[in-house]
Amino acid sequence: MRIALIDTGVDTGHPDLQGQIRYSENTAPKPADQNWADLHGMAVAGVLAARPDNAIGIAGIAPEADV
């Protein structure tokens, strides 16, 4: 399964999503504080596809999906 997420970018190296992010681009305007630039997209990607039972973060609703 592949899920398209149109949002801010995503941390492609995050352990909860490693190997599942096929493409990441921030499509939102850049905020003044660049440290927060990808926060929302990362949170949404986690809700969608984070791996369960790895003792990190949350479990997504479609953990086998590519984003």
N, C-alpha and C. Protein backbone atom coordinates (compact mmCIF):
# COMPACT_ATOMS: atom_id res chain seq x y z
N MET A 1 0.85 -1.17 0.00
CA MET A 1 0.00 0.00 0.00
C MET A 1 0.90 1.23 0.00
N ARG A 2 0.50 2.24 -0.72
CA ARG A 2 1.23 3.50 -0.75
C ARG A 2 0.26 4.61 -0.36
N ILE A 3 0.74 5.51 0.51
CA ILE A 3 -0.07 6.63 0.97
C ILE A 3 0.61 7.93 0.54
N ALA A 4 -0.14 8.83 -0.07
CA ALA A 4 0.37 10.16 -0.41
C ALA A 4 0.02 11.11 0.73
N LEU A 5 1.01 11.83 1.22
CA LEU A 5 0.82 12.78 2.30
C LEU A 5 1.32 14.14 1.81
N ILE A 6 0.41 15.09 1.68
CA ILE A 6 0.78 16.43 1.24
C ILE A 6 0.79 17.32 2.47
N ASP A 7 2.01 17.69 2.88
CA ASP A 7 2.19 18.39 4.16
C ASP A 7 3.60 18.96 4.17
N THR A 8 4.10 19.23 5.37
CA THR A 8 5.51 19.60 5.49
C THR A 8 6.33 18.35 5.24
N GLY A 9 7.63 18.46 5.22
CA GLY A 9 8.50 17.32 4.98
C GLY A 9 8.48 16.32 6.12
N VAL A 10 9.25 15.25 5.94
CA VAL A 10 9.32 14.16 6.93
C VAL A 10 10.78 13.80 7.13
N ASP A 11 11.15 13.46 8.34
CA ASP A 11 12.50 12.97 8.65
C ASP A 11 12.62 11.55 8.12
N THR A 12 13.27 11.39 6.98
CA THR A 12 13.36 10.08 6.34
C THR A 12 14.21 9.08 7.11
N GLY A 13 15.01 9.56 8.04
CA GLY A 13 15.85 8.67 8.84
C GLY A 13 15.26 8.30 10.18
N HIS A 14 14.06 8.74 10.48
CA HIS A 14 13.45 8.44 11.78
C HIS A 14 13.24 6.93 11.91
N PRO A 15 13.64 6.32 13.03
CA PRO A 15 13.53 4.87 13.20
C PRO A 15 12.12 4.31 13.05
N ASP A 16 11.10 5.07 13.39
CA ASP A 16 9.72 4.60 13.25
C ASP A 16 9.29 4.48 11.79
N LEU A 17 9.99 5.18 10.89
CA LEU A 17 9.56 5.23 9.49
C LEU A 17 10.67 4.83 8.51
N GLN A 18 11.79 4.33 9.00
CA GLN A 18 12.90 3.98 8.11
C GLN A 18 12.48 3.00 7.03
N GLY A 19 12.84 3.32 5.81
CA GLY A 19 12.52 2.46 4.68
C GLY A 19 11.11 2.63 4.13
N GLN A 20 10.29 3.45 4.78
CA GLN A 20 8.91 3.62 4.34
C GLN A 20 8.66 4.93 3.61
N ILE A 21 9.54 5.90 3.77
CA ILE A 21 9.36 7.19 3.12
C ILE A 21 10.02 7.13 1.74
N ARG A 22 9.22 7.18 0.71
CA ARG A 22 9.73 7.07 -0.66
C ARG A 22 10.15 8.42 -1.23
N TYR A 23 9.53 9.50 -0.75
CA TYR A 23 9.85 10.84 -1.23
C TYR A 23 9.40 11.83 -0.17
N SER A 24 10.22 12.84 0.08
CA SER A 24 9.84 13.85 1.07
C SER A 24 10.18 15.24 0.53
N GLU A 25 9.18 16.09 0.55
CA GLU A 25 9.35 17.49 0.14
C GLU A 25 8.40 18.32 0.98
N ASN A 26 8.89 19.42 1.52
CA ASN A 26 8.05 20.31 2.30
C ASN A 26 7.23 21.16 1.33
N THR A 27 5.91 20.96 1.31
CA THR A 27 5.03 21.72 0.41
C THR A 27 4.37 22.91 1.11
N ALA A 28 4.70 23.12 2.37
CA ALA A 28 4.14 24.23 3.14
C ALA A 28 5.14 25.39 3.16
N PRO A 29 4.65 26.60 3.37
CA PRO A 29 5.57 27.73 3.50
C PRO A 29 6.51 27.51 4.68
N LYS A 30 7.75 27.92 4.51
CA LYS A 30 8.75 27.75 5.57
C LYS A 30 8.45 28.70 6.74
N PRO A 31 8.38 28.15 7.96
CA PRO A 31 8.17 29.02 9.12
C PRO A 31 9.46 29.76 9.48
N ALA A 32 9.34 30.80 10.27
CA ALA A 32 10.51 31.57 10.69
C ALA A 32 11.48 30.68 11.48
N ASP A 33 10.96 29.76 12.27
CA ASP A 33 11.78 28.85 13.06
C ASP A 33 11.96 27.56 12.26
N GLN A 34 13.06 27.41 11.55
CA GLN A 34 13.30 26.25 10.70
C GLN A 34 13.33 24.93 11.46
N ASN A 35 13.55 24.96 12.77
CA ASN A 35 13.55 23.73 13.56
C ASN A 35 12.18 23.06 13.56
N TRP A 36 11.14 23.80 13.27
CA TRP A 36 9.78 23.27 13.28
C TRP A 36 9.27 22.98 11.87
N ALA A 37 10.12 23.14 10.86
CA ALA A 37 9.67 23.08 9.47
C ALA A 37 9.00 21.77 9.10
N ASP A 38 9.46 20.64 9.64
CA ASP A 38 8.90 19.35 9.24
C ASP A 38 8.11 18.68 10.36
N LEU A 39 7.83 19.39 11.42
CA LEU A 39 7.18 18.78 12.58
C LEU A 39 5.79 18.22 12.26
N HIS A 40 4.95 18.97 11.58
CA HIS A 40 3.59 18.51 11.33
C HIS A 40 3.57 17.32 10.39
N GLY A 41 4.32 17.39 9.30
CA GLY A 41 4.37 16.27 8.35
C GLY A 41 4.89 15.00 9.00
N MET A 42 5.88 15.15 9.87
CA MET A 42 6.43 13.99 10.58
C MET A 42 5.38 13.38 11.50
N ALA A 43 4.64 14.22 12.22
CA ALA A 43 3.61 13.72 13.13
C ALA A 43 2.52 12.97 12.35
N VAL A 44 2.08 13.53 11.23
CA VAL A 44 1.04 12.88 10.43
C VAL A 44 1.56 11.58 9.82
N ALA A 45 2.78 11.58 9.33
CA ALA A 45 3.37 10.36 8.77
C ALA A 45 3.44 9.27 9.84
N GLY A 46 3.76 9.64 11.08
CA GLY A 46 3.79 8.68 12.17
C GLY A 46 2.42 8.09 12.46
N VAL A 47 1.41 8.92 12.49
CA VAL A 47 0.05 8.44 12.72
C VAL A 47 -0.36 7.47 11.61
N LEU A 48 0.09 7.73 10.41
CA LEU A 48 -0.25 6.86 9.28
C LEU A 48 0.55 5.56 9.26
N ALA A 49 1.87 5.64 9.43
CA ALA A 49 2.69 4.48 9.08
C ALA A 49 3.76 4.07 10.09
N ALA A 50 3.79 4.64 11.29
CA ALA A 50 4.83 4.26 12.26
C ALA A 50 4.73 2.77 12.60
N ARG A 51 5.90 2.16 12.72
CA ARG A 51 5.96 0.73 13.04
C ARG A 51 5.58 0.47 14.50
N PRO A 52 4.77 -0.55 14.74
CA PRO A 52 4.40 -0.89 16.13
C PRO A 52 5.47 -1.76 16.79
N ASP A 53 5.40 -1.85 18.09
CA ASP A 53 6.21 -2.80 18.89
C ASP A 53 7.70 -2.65 18.69
N ASN A 54 8.19 -1.41 18.50
CA ASN A 54 9.64 -1.21 18.41
C ASN A 54 10.16 -0.35 19.55
N ALA A 55 9.34 -0.10 20.55
CA ALA A 55 9.70 0.68 21.74
C ALA A 55 10.07 2.13 21.39
N ILE A 56 9.60 2.62 20.24
CA ILE A 56 9.84 4.01 19.83
C ILE A 56 8.51 4.62 19.44
N GLY A 57 8.19 5.75 19.98
CA GLY A 57 7.04 6.52 19.53
C GLY A 57 5.71 5.79 19.57
N ILE A 58 4.99 5.85 18.46
CA ILE A 58 3.62 5.36 18.37
C ILE A 58 3.50 4.25 17.34
N ALA A 59 2.34 3.68 17.22
CA ALA A 59 2.04 2.72 16.15
C ALA A 59 1.06 3.39 15.19
N GLY A 60 1.38 3.38 13.91
CA GLY A 60 0.52 3.98 12.90
C GLY A 60 -0.64 3.08 12.54
N ILE A 61 -1.61 3.65 11.84
CA ILE A 61 -2.79 2.88 11.46
C ILE A 61 -2.53 1.97 10.25
N ALA A 62 -1.46 2.24 9.50
CA ALA A 62 -1.10 1.41 8.34
C ALA A 62 0.43 1.22 8.34
N PRO A 63 0.96 0.47 9.31
CA PRO A 63 2.41 0.38 9.48
C PRO A 63 3.16 -0.32 8.35
N GLU A 64 2.48 -0.98 7.46
CA GLU A 64 3.13 -1.63 6.33
C GLU A 64 3.16 -0.75 5.09
N ALA A 65 2.59 0.44 5.18
CA ALA A 65 2.46 1.31 4.01
C ALA A 65 3.75 2.07 3.72
N ASP A 66 3.94 2.39 2.46
CA ASP A 66 4.98 3.34 2.03
C ASP A 66 4.32 4.71 1.97
N VAL A 67 5.06 5.74 2.35
CA VAL A 67 4.53 7.10 2.34
C VAL A 67 5.30 7.90 1.31
